[in-house]
Amino acid sequence: MLGLPPSISEPVESVVRLVNSYLQPFVDVDDSSLIPIATVAVVASFTSFVVGYIGNQKRLDFVLRGFPTPPRNIFLGHIPRFINGAWEFIGESAKKFNFKNFRVYIFGFPLIVLTDPTSLKRVLHTNFRNYKKDRLTYNQFLCILGKGIVTSEGDEWKRQRLLISAVMRVDILEEVAESAVVAADRLTTKMIQQTKENPEFEFDMAEEFRCLTLQVIGGALLSMTPDESDKVFPSLYLPIVTEANKRTYNPFRALYPTLTNLEFHRAKVGLNGFLKDFIRRRWIEASEKKAKEAANKEVTTEEKPKERFRRKHKDILEKILFAIDECPSSMVDQLCDEVKTFLLAGHETSSTMLTWAIFECVKNRDVFAKVREEVDELFKNGMPNFDAAKDGLQYTLAVLKETLRMYSVVPVVTRQCVETDKFEGFEIPSGVRVVIPMYVVHNRPDIWGDPENFRPDRFLPTADGKDPDIDPFAWIPFINGPRNCLGQHFSLLESKIVLGLLIRRFDMVLSPKQTGMDTSSHILSPSLLISFAIAEKHPFIIPWGPKDGMLIKMKPRQGIPMADS
């Protein structure tokens, strides 16, 4: 047709046939000459669209020529490959291009995939202001994140960051450690009782850790007891997270008139109502406490806001309330979003990290023995002081870091380029999205040597006490740079205490149902990993937890105290 290439002429000819067959019944015989005119108009418009679309693709190919790309359909891009396994496709492509930066396409929209630590430093650190958070990746979680620190940008993000970073000082970690011990003691009591009734009982540690981490964050954030957390969060918070995860990959679920959506709405209203009432009550308490301290001249009118954080507070929320002077409804809404953000960030990733860490410890008996030896030494005289707990358990901490490397519980983050950026011979146009596949970066053989092996010693200090020589942008589970995770020390401290205490108190063996859970050779072929590493609900749910739970048999260890709180 008109000498056009097949990629244009074939779709145009199809449109011509479609238009003619559609118009024929509506046109009188005497007016049949109108059919060619209408056809020409439609075909001209369609041809203009196709030519413009393909021209834009060619322009993007030229601008992004520094990034190789796998073969693709000119209209669908790499959609078919993503449908068949998104993580596997990204992993295979990275391997094919020797772990150099590359690009993939969703329809006609390019995504730049960065796997080089130098490029990651550019996007996450040195030029981070030019790469904003990509709303598409968290849109379904706005019901939890709201206008909190995760979703904010610019001056609003800076204001929130200053407030939250002041709250997350080292002294708040003492409350985290105490909450972690209390939660571990409570889980221990439950396990002992269950094993007395049935010595062969298999605990789903994925579910146990999910409840435990909610108890820890509830205690450190809101001074809630484990029982109070169990009454509120499983019924109001967990249904929201579960449904939001499903909607991420099937947004049309929100349109269905189902009982699930009714429960989702009920949980949102209930959680927001509970938290806002809770914050208002705590504001009244904080105001009375501040007034009393001022009357006793413990606080002067000249006291600066930052100095308020240095005084002892019972939880994170009280620290925030002491840092503000007023709490109108808009501030209550803001604090509600921040509390929900803390819940999401402090719960899901920590529970998944603990699940994979205990799996590796039980599977690797030498690792299990080293963790037990270390925690036995720390707790030999009972509960250690906070500094000893914070600075100790270095091998257990290395186990957690290696777990985050090997499993990358959050496998991917995205950013969107604000203004065209040029670096190292690359050009990323304004508006283009950047994908950072952590699970690929964390398993590059040229960086890690033997990434398929679980080796906590990678993260141990050197013989002279220095940190291991690891590129800070080759290990990024907490996103290095100004927008890094403020709760990373919270998560690691909580997790090493819980993991250490459980290994100290119990002998463990994997359930026979868990046999075959071998991830050693499948890190960059995640479809094989997905067969057991992703929840049954959907093959793309994040964080990357086990598909069917983590079943482990527990046997209480003789001669060891079963409580330390």
Foldseek 3Di string as FASTA:
>chain_A
DVPDDCVQVVVLVVLLVVQLVVCVVVDDPVRVVVSVVVSCVVSVVVSVVVVVLLVVLVVVCVQFVVAAEDDADQFQWCVVVVVVPVLLVVLVVCVVVLNQWHWTDGGSAIAIEHQDLVVLCCCQAPPVLQWAFDCLQCVLVCLQQPCALNHDHDPVNVVRCVLLLLLLDPVLLQQLLVQLQLLLLVVLVVQVVVCVVPLFAWDQLLVSLLLSLQSSLCCQAPVDHSVRSVVQCVQQPVLSQVVSLVCSVPVCVCVDPDVSNVSNVVSSVVLLVVQLVSLVVVLVVLVVVVVVCVVVVVDDPPDALSVLSVDDDRHSSSNSSSSDDDCPPVNSVHVSSHSSVSSVVRRAVLSQLLQQLVVVCQVDVVLLVVLLVQLCVLQVPFDDDPVCLLPGSQLLLLSSLLSCLLQVLPQKGKIFRQDWDDDPRHIDHHGHMYMYGLLSLSQNCVQVVQSLDRDSVQQHADPVRHTHPHSPSSRASQRDHPNGNSCPSSSSSSSSSSSSLQSNFWDKHFDPVCPPQRCRPCSSSCVVVLVFQDDPSDSDGGSRHTHPGTIMRIDTDPPDDSHRD
